[in-house]
Amino acid sequence: RRERAISLARWFFRSGIASAANARRRTDHRRHSPAPEIKPGGGLISLPIMSHNPSQLLPSELIDRCIGSKIWVIMKGDKELVGTLRGFDVYVNMVLEDVTEYEITAEGRRITKLDQILLNGNNIAILVPGGSPDPE
């Protein structure tokens, strides 16, 4: 299952499809945009349109694009969570809403529904935008 999650995450990075939140554009392009050039007459030359190649995204930018959409979180232990990402911080602590928690136990797989949860970023192993675990 983790191999599938990793291949899904790679596909999302390559294709640029992070989630439905991709429609939302970032307004701060200072880090990625070249400085405007000045014509000899004093006017500005128009800047080229910057491509949004997903391989040039920082991990935090990809996570930021997933705010408001479904995300699959695989924890370091035997837990996986699927929910709507509401926010995160620099430590990748996350707030999820409408969460389904999948826990692998000796008896099988236990499913728990939660309204909201705060995850500690130290315990997160893999994030899969828009993904969900295979039904068993």
N, C-alpha and C. Protein backbone atom coordinates (compact mmCIF):
# COMPACT_ATOMS: atom_id res chain seq x y z
N ARG A 1 0.83 -1.19 0.00
CA ARG A 1 0.00 0.00 0.00
C ARG A 1 0.87 1.25 0.00
N ARG A 2 1.96 1.25 0.75
CA ARG A 2 2.83 2.42 0.77
C ARG A 2 3.48 2.65 -0.59
N GLU A 3 3.80 1.56 -1.31
CA GLU A 3 4.38 1.71 -2.65
C GLU A 3 3.38 2.39 -3.58
N ARG A 4 2.10 2.03 -3.44
CA ARG A 4 1.07 2.67 -4.25
C ARG A 4 0.97 4.15 -3.92
N ALA A 5 1.06 4.49 -2.63
CA ALA A 5 1.00 5.89 -2.21
C ALA A 5 2.17 6.67 -2.77
N ILE A 6 3.35 6.07 -2.75
CA ILE A 6 4.53 6.75 -3.28
C ILE A 6 4.39 6.96 -4.78
N SER A 7 3.91 5.94 -5.50
CA SER A 7 3.75 6.11 -6.95
C SER A 7 2.67 7.14 -7.26
N LEU A 8 1.61 7.18 -6.46
CA LEU A 8 0.58 8.22 -6.65
C LEU A 8 1.16 9.61 -6.41
N ALA A 9 1.94 9.75 -5.36
CA ALA A 9 2.54 11.05 -5.06
C ALA A 9 3.47 11.49 -6.18
N ARG A 10 4.26 10.55 -6.72
CA ARG A 10 5.14 10.90 -7.85
C ARG A 10 4.33 11.33 -9.05
N TRP A 11 3.22 10.62 -9.31
CA TRP A 11 2.38 10.98 -10.44
C TRP A 11 1.81 12.39 -10.27
N PHE A 12 1.37 12.73 -9.05
CA PHE A 12 0.84 14.06 -8.79
C PHE A 12 1.90 15.12 -9.03
N PHE A 13 3.13 14.87 -8.59
CA PHE A 13 4.21 15.83 -8.81
C PHE A 13 4.48 16.00 -10.30
N ARG A 14 4.54 14.88 -11.04
CA ARG A 14 4.85 14.97 -12.47
C ARG A 14 3.73 15.63 -13.27
N SER A 15 2.50 15.31 -12.97
CA SER A 15 1.39 15.80 -13.76
C SER A 15 0.93 17.19 -13.35
N GLY A 16 1.29 17.64 -12.17
CA GLY A 16 0.87 18.95 -11.71
C GLY A 16 -0.54 18.97 -11.15
N ILE A 17 -1.14 17.80 -11.00
CA ILE A 17 -2.49 17.73 -10.46
C ILE A 17 -2.37 17.49 -8.96
N ALA A 18 -2.45 18.54 -8.20
CA ALA A 18 -2.35 18.39 -6.75
C ALA A 18 -3.72 18.15 -6.16
N SER A 19 -4.71 18.88 -6.64
CA SER A 19 -6.05 18.74 -6.10
C SER A 19 -6.96 19.73 -6.80
N ALA A 20 -8.19 19.77 -6.36
CA ALA A 20 -9.12 20.76 -6.91
C ALA A 20 -8.68 22.17 -6.57
N ALA A 21 -7.84 22.30 -5.55
CA ALA A 21 -7.36 23.63 -5.15
C ALA A 21 -6.36 24.20 -6.15
N ASN A 22 -5.98 23.43 -7.18
CA ASN A 22 -5.06 23.94 -8.20
C ASN A 22 -5.65 25.15 -8.91
N ALA A 23 -6.97 25.26 -8.94
CA ALA A 23 -7.60 26.38 -9.63
C ALA A 23 -7.27 27.70 -8.94
N ARG A 24 -6.99 27.63 -7.65
CA ARG A 24 -6.65 28.84 -6.91
C ARG A 24 -5.22 29.24 -7.25
N ARG A 25 -5.01 30.45 -7.69
CA ARG A 25 -3.68 30.91 -8.07
C ARG A 25 -3.00 31.61 -6.90
N ARG A 26 -1.70 31.41 -6.82
CA ARG A 26 -0.92 32.14 -5.82
C ARG A 26 -0.66 33.53 -6.35
N THR A 27 -0.67 34.51 -5.50
CA THR A 27 -0.44 35.89 -5.93
C THR A 27 0.99 36.33 -5.66
N ASP A 28 1.74 35.58 -4.89
CA ASP A 28 3.11 35.96 -4.57
C ASP A 28 4.08 35.17 -5.45
N HIS A 29 4.53 35.81 -6.54
CA HIS A 29 5.44 35.15 -7.47
C HIS A 29 6.82 35.77 -7.41
N ARG A 30 7.11 36.51 -6.38
CA ARG A 30 8.39 37.22 -6.31
C ARG A 30 9.59 36.29 -6.38
N ARG A 31 9.52 35.14 -5.74
CA ARG A 31 10.67 34.26 -5.70
C ARG A 31 10.93 33.63 -7.07
N HIS A 32 9.87 33.40 -7.87
CA HIS A 32 10.02 32.69 -9.13
C HIS A 32 10.03 33.60 -10.35
N SER A 33 9.68 34.84 -10.22
CA SER A 33 9.60 35.74 -11.36
C SER A 33 10.88 36.54 -11.50
N PRO A 34 11.34 36.72 -12.75
CA PRO A 34 12.52 37.56 -12.94
C PRO A 34 12.17 39.02 -12.70
N ALA A 35 13.18 39.82 -12.41
CA ALA A 35 12.96 41.26 -12.22
C ALA A 35 12.57 41.87 -13.56
N PRO A 36 11.66 42.86 -13.57
CA PRO A 36 11.27 43.48 -14.83
C PRO A 36 12.44 44.21 -15.46
N GLU A 37 12.51 44.13 -16.79
CA GLU A 37 13.56 44.84 -17.52
C GLU A 37 13.05 46.22 -17.90
N ILE A 38 13.96 47.18 -17.95
CA ILE A 38 13.58 48.55 -18.30
C ILE A 38 14.09 48.85 -19.70
N LYS A 39 13.19 49.32 -20.58
CA LYS A 39 13.58 49.70 -21.94
C LYS A 39 14.40 50.97 -21.89
N PRO A 40 15.24 51.20 -22.93
CA PRO A 40 16.01 52.44 -22.95
C PRO A 40 15.13 53.68 -22.86
N GLY A 41 13.90 53.64 -23.37
CA GLY A 41 13.01 54.79 -23.31
C GLY A 41 12.39 54.98 -21.94
N GLY A 42 12.61 54.06 -21.02
CA GLY A 42 12.09 54.21 -19.67
C GLY A 42 10.90 53.33 -19.37
N GLY A 43 10.27 52.69 -20.38
CA GLY A 43 9.12 51.83 -20.15
C GLY A 43 9.55 50.44 -19.74
N LEU A 44 8.61 49.68 -19.23
CA LEU A 44 8.90 48.31 -18.82
C LEU A 44 8.63 47.34 -19.96
N ILE A 45 9.48 46.34 -20.10
CA ILE A 45 9.25 45.26 -21.05
C ILE A 45 8.37 44.24 -20.35
N SER A 46 7.41 43.68 -21.09
CA SER A 46 6.54 42.69 -20.47
C SER A 46 7.34 41.44 -20.12
N LEU A 47 6.96 40.82 -19.05
CA LEU A 47 7.65 39.63 -18.57
C LEU A 47 7.08 38.39 -19.23
N PRO A 48 7.91 37.37 -19.44
CA PRO A 48 7.39 36.12 -19.98
C PRO A 48 6.49 35.44 -18.95
N ILE A 49 5.52 34.70 -19.44
CA ILE A 49 4.64 33.95 -18.54
C ILE A 49 5.45 32.80 -17.97
N MET A 50 5.42 32.67 -16.65
CA MET A 50 6.19 31.62 -15.98
C MET A 50 5.37 30.33 -15.97
N SER A 51 6.00 29.24 -16.36
CA SER A 51 5.30 27.96 -16.30
C SER A 51 5.25 27.49 -14.85
N HIS A 52 4.22 26.75 -14.53
CA HIS A 52 4.07 26.22 -13.17
C HIS A 52 4.42 24.74 -13.20
N ASN A 53 5.68 24.46 -13.44
CA ASN A 53 6.18 23.09 -13.47
C ASN A 53 6.17 22.54 -12.05
N PRO A 54 5.46 21.43 -11.81
CA PRO A 54 5.38 20.93 -10.44
C PRO A 54 6.73 20.53 -9.86
N SER A 55 7.70 20.22 -10.70
CA SER A 55 9.01 19.84 -10.16
C SER A 55 9.74 21.05 -9.59
N GLN A 56 9.28 22.26 -9.90
CA GLN A 56 9.89 23.47 -9.37
C GLN A 56 9.20 23.95 -8.09
N LEU A 57 8.13 23.27 -7.68
CA LEU A 57 7.41 23.66 -6.47
C LEU A 57 8.16 23.21 -5.23
N LEU A 58 8.12 24.03 -4.23
CA LEU A 58 8.60 23.61 -2.92
C LEU A 58 7.54 22.71 -2.30
N PRO A 59 7.92 21.78 -1.43
CA PRO A 59 6.92 20.92 -0.80
C PRO A 59 5.82 21.71 -0.10
N SER A 60 6.18 22.79 0.57
CA SER A 60 5.16 23.58 1.27
C SER A 60 4.19 24.23 0.29
N GLU A 61 4.65 24.57 -0.92
CA GLU A 61 3.75 25.14 -1.93
C GLU A 61 2.75 24.10 -2.42
N LEU A 62 3.20 22.86 -2.58
CA LEU A 62 2.29 21.80 -3.00
C LEU A 62 1.24 21.55 -1.93
N ILE A 63 1.67 21.50 -0.67
CA ILE A 63 0.71 21.29 0.43
C ILE A 63 -0.26 22.47 0.49
N ASP A 64 0.24 23.68 0.27
CA ASP A 64 -0.61 24.87 0.29
C ASP A 64 -1.70 24.78 -0.78
N ARG A 65 -1.38 24.23 -1.92
CA ARG A 65 -2.37 24.08 -2.99
C ARG A 65 -3.45 23.06 -2.63
N CYS A 66 -3.17 22.21 -1.66
CA CYS A 66 -4.13 21.18 -1.25
C CYS A 66 -5.10 21.65 -0.17
N ILE A 67 -4.92 22.86 0.34
CA ILE A 67 -5.83 23.36 1.37
C ILE A 67 -7.25 23.42 0.80
N GLY A 68 -8.17 22.86 1.54
CA GLY A 68 -9.57 22.84 1.11
C GLY A 68 -9.93 21.60 0.32
N SER A 69 -8.96 20.72 0.05
CA SER A 69 -9.27 19.50 -0.67
C SER A 69 -8.88 18.26 0.12
N LYS A 70 -9.28 17.12 -0.42
CA LYS A 70 -9.06 15.84 0.23
C LYS A 70 -7.57 15.47 0.15
N ILE A 71 -7.06 14.91 1.25
CA ILE A 71 -5.66 14.48 1.30
C ILE A 71 -5.58 13.19 2.10
N TRP A 72 -4.69 12.31 1.66
CA TRP A 72 -4.45 11.03 2.33
C TRP A 72 -3.14 11.16 3.07
N VAL A 73 -3.16 10.95 4.39
CA VAL A 73 -1.98 11.08 5.24
C VAL A 73 -1.63 9.70 5.78
N ILE A 74 -0.42 9.26 5.48
CA ILE A 74 0.07 7.98 6.01
C ILE A 74 1.03 8.32 7.15
N MET A 75 0.70 7.84 8.33
CA MET A 75 1.49 8.12 9.51
C MET A 75 2.63 7.11 9.64
N LYS A 76 3.60 7.41 10.51
CA LYS A 76 4.73 6.51 10.72
C LYS A 76 4.32 5.18 11.34
N GLY A 77 3.28 5.18 12.14
CA GLY A 77 2.79 3.94 12.76
C GLY A 77 1.86 3.21 11.80
N ASP A 78 0.88 2.54 12.34
CA ASP A 78 -0.07 1.78 11.53
C ASP A 78 -1.38 2.53 11.34
N LYS A 79 -1.29 3.85 11.12
CA LYS A 79 -2.49 4.65 10.92
C LYS A 79 -2.41 5.39 9.60
N GLU A 80 -3.57 5.52 8.98
CA GLU A 80 -3.72 6.34 7.78
C GLU A 80 -4.97 7.17 7.98
N LEU A 81 -4.95 8.40 7.47
CA LEU A 81 -6.10 9.28 7.61
C LEU A 81 -6.43 9.89 6.26
N VAL A 82 -7.72 10.04 6.00
CA VAL A 82 -8.18 10.74 4.81
C VAL A 82 -9.13 11.82 5.29
N GLY A 83 -8.89 13.06 4.86
CA GLY A 83 -9.74 14.16 5.28
C GLY A 83 -9.49 15.39 4.45
N THR A 84 -10.20 16.45 4.77
CA THR A 84 -10.05 17.73 4.09
C THR A 84 -9.02 18.57 4.84
N LEU A 85 -7.98 18.97 4.12
CA LEU A 85 -6.92 19.77 4.74
C LEU A 85 -7.41 21.19 4.96
N ARG A 86 -7.37 21.65 6.21
CA ARG A 86 -7.78 23.01 6.54
C ARG A 86 -6.61 23.94 6.77
N GLY A 87 -5.45 23.40 7.17
CA GLY A 87 -4.30 24.26 7.38
C GLY A 87 -3.10 23.46 7.85
N PHE A 88 -1.92 24.11 7.78
CA PHE A 88 -0.69 23.50 8.24
C PHE A 88 0.27 24.62 8.62
N ASP A 89 1.34 24.26 9.34
CA ASP A 89 2.34 25.25 9.71
C ASP A 89 3.71 24.83 9.18
N VAL A 90 4.76 25.55 9.58
CA VAL A 90 6.10 25.28 9.07
C VAL A 90 6.62 23.91 9.51
N TYR A 91 6.06 23.33 10.55
CA TYR A 91 6.46 22.00 11.01
C TYR A 91 5.60 20.91 10.38
N VAL A 92 4.73 21.27 9.46
CA VAL A 92 3.76 20.39 8.79
C VAL A 92 2.81 19.75 9.80
N ASN A 93 2.56 20.42 10.93
CA ASN A 93 1.44 20.06 11.78
C ASN A 93 0.21 20.40 10.95
N MET A 94 -0.78 19.53 10.93
CA MET A 94 -1.93 19.72 10.05
C MET A 94 -3.24 19.66 10.80
N VAL A 95 -4.20 20.43 10.31
CA VAL A 95 -5.58 20.35 10.78
C VAL A 95 -6.40 19.77 9.63
N LEU A 96 -7.08 18.64 9.92
CA LEU A 96 -7.95 17.99 8.95
C LEU A 96 -9.38 17.99 9.48
N GLU A 97 -10.34 18.09 8.56
CA GLU A 97 -11.76 17.99 8.92
C GLU A 97 -12.39 16.84 8.16
N ASP A 98 -13.54 16.37 8.65
CA ASP A 98 -14.26 15.24 8.05
C ASP A 98 -13.30 14.08 7.80
N VAL A 99 -12.70 13.61 8.87
CA VAL A 99 -11.59 12.65 8.80
C VAL A 99 -12.09 11.21 8.96
N THR A 100 -11.52 10.33 8.15
CA THR A 100 -11.68 8.90 8.33
C THR A 100 -10.31 8.34 8.69
N GLU A 101 -10.22 7.70 9.85
CA GLU A 101 -8.96 7.15 10.33
C GLU A 101 -8.98 5.63 10.12
N TYR A 102 -7.94 5.12 9.47
CA TYR A 102 -7.79 3.68 9.24
C TYR A 102 -6.62 3.21 10.10
N GLU A 103 -6.90 2.26 11.00
CA GLU A 103 -5.85 1.75 11.87
C GLU A 103 -5.73 0.24 11.66
N ILE A 104 -4.51 -0.22 11.44
CA ILE A 104 -4.25 -1.65 11.25
C ILE A 104 -4.03 -2.26 12.63
N THR A 105 -4.88 -3.23 12.98
CA THR A 105 -4.77 -3.90 14.28
C THR A 105 -4.62 -5.41 14.04
N ALA A 106 -4.39 -6.15 15.12
CA ALA A 106 -4.27 -7.61 15.01
C ALA A 106 -5.58 -8.23 14.52
N GLU A 107 -6.70 -7.60 14.84
CA GLU A 107 -8.01 -8.12 14.42
C GLU A 107 -8.35 -7.73 12.99
N GLY A 108 -7.61 -6.82 12.41
CA GLY A 108 -7.91 -6.35 11.06
C GLY A 108 -7.79 -4.84 10.99
N ARG A 109 -8.61 -4.26 10.15
CA ARG A 109 -8.55 -2.81 9.94
C ARG A 109 -9.72 -2.14 10.65
N ARG A 110 -9.43 -1.18 11.52
CA ARG A 110 -10.46 -0.46 12.26
C ARG A 110 -10.63 0.92 11.64
N ILE A 111 -11.88 1.30 11.40
CA ILE A 111 -12.18 2.59 10.78
C ILE A 111 -12.90 3.46 11.80
N THR A 112 -12.41 4.70 11.97
CA THR A 112 -12.99 5.66 12.90
C THR A 112 -13.27 6.95 12.16
N LYS A 113 -14.46 7.52 12.37
CA LYS A 113 -14.83 8.81 11.78
C LYS A 113 -14.62 9.91 12.81
N LEU A 114 -13.99 11.01 12.39
CA LEU A 114 -13.73 12.14 13.28
C LEU A 114 -14.15 13.44 12.58
N ASP A 115 -14.65 14.40 13.37
CA ASP A 115 -15.02 15.70 12.80
C ASP A 115 -13.78 16.52 12.45
N GLN A 116 -12.81 16.53 13.37
CA GLN A 116 -11.61 17.35 13.18
C GLN A 116 -10.45 16.73 13.95
N ILE A 117 -9.23 16.91 13.43
CA ILE A 117 -8.05 16.36 14.09
C ILE A 117 -6.85 17.27 13.82
N LEU A 118 -5.96 17.34 14.81
CA LEU A 118 -4.69 18.05 14.67
C LEU A 118 -3.60 16.99 14.65
N LEU A 119 -2.82 16.92 13.57
CA LEU A 119 -1.75 15.94 13.43
C LEU A 119 -0.41 16.59 13.71
N ASN A 120 0.44 15.88 14.43
CA ASN A 120 1.81 16.33 14.67
C ASN A 120 2.65 15.97 13.44
N GLY A 121 3.30 16.95 12.85
CA GLY A 121 4.08 16.75 11.65
C GLY A 121 5.20 15.75 11.80
N ASN A 122 5.72 15.56 13.02
CA ASN A 122 6.79 14.59 13.24
C ASN A 122 6.35 13.16 12.97
N ASN A 123 5.05 12.89 13.04
CA ASN A 123 4.54 11.53 12.87
C ASN A 123 4.04 11.24 11.46
N ILE A 124 4.12 12.21 10.57
CA ILE A 124 3.63 12.04 9.20
C ILE A 124 4.75 11.45 8.34
N ALA A 125 4.42 10.37 7.61
CA ALA A 125 5.41 9.73 6.72
C ALA A 125 5.20 10.16 5.28
N ILE A 126 3.95 10.10 4.77
CA ILE A 126 3.66 10.38 3.37
C ILE A 126 2.36 11.17 3.27
N LEU A 127 2.32 12.13 2.35
CA LEU A 127 1.10 12.87 2.03
C LEU A 127 0.75 12.60 0.58
N VAL A 128 -0.51 12.24 0.33
CA VAL A 128 -0.97 11.99 -1.04
C VAL A 128 -2.16 12.89 -1.31
N PRO A 129 -1.97 13.97 -2.09
CA PRO A 129 -3.09 14.86 -2.41
C PRO A 129 -4.17 14.12 -3.18
N GLY A 130 -5.41 14.25 -2.73
CA GLY A 130 -6.54 13.67 -3.42
C GLY A 130 -6.64 12.16 -3.34
N GLY A 131 -5.72 11.50 -2.66
CA GLY A 131 -5.70 10.05 -2.61
C GLY A 131 -6.54 9.48 -1.50
N SER A 132 -6.70 8.16 -1.54
CA SER A 132 -7.37 7.45 -0.46
C SER A 132 -6.87 6.01 -0.47
N PRO A 133 -6.89 5.35 0.68
CA PRO A 133 -6.40 3.97 0.73
C PRO A 133 -7.31 3.01 -0.03
N ASP A 134 -6.73 1.90 -0.46
CA ASP A 134 -7.50 0.87 -1.17
C ASP A 134 -8.52 0.25 -0.22
N PRO A 135 -9.75 0.04 -0.67
CA PRO A 135 -10.70 -0.68 0.18
C PRO A 135 -10.28 -2.15 0.26
N GLU A 136 -10.40 -2.72 1.42
CA GLU A 136 -10.03 -4.13 1.60
C GLU A 136 -11.24 -4.97 1.89
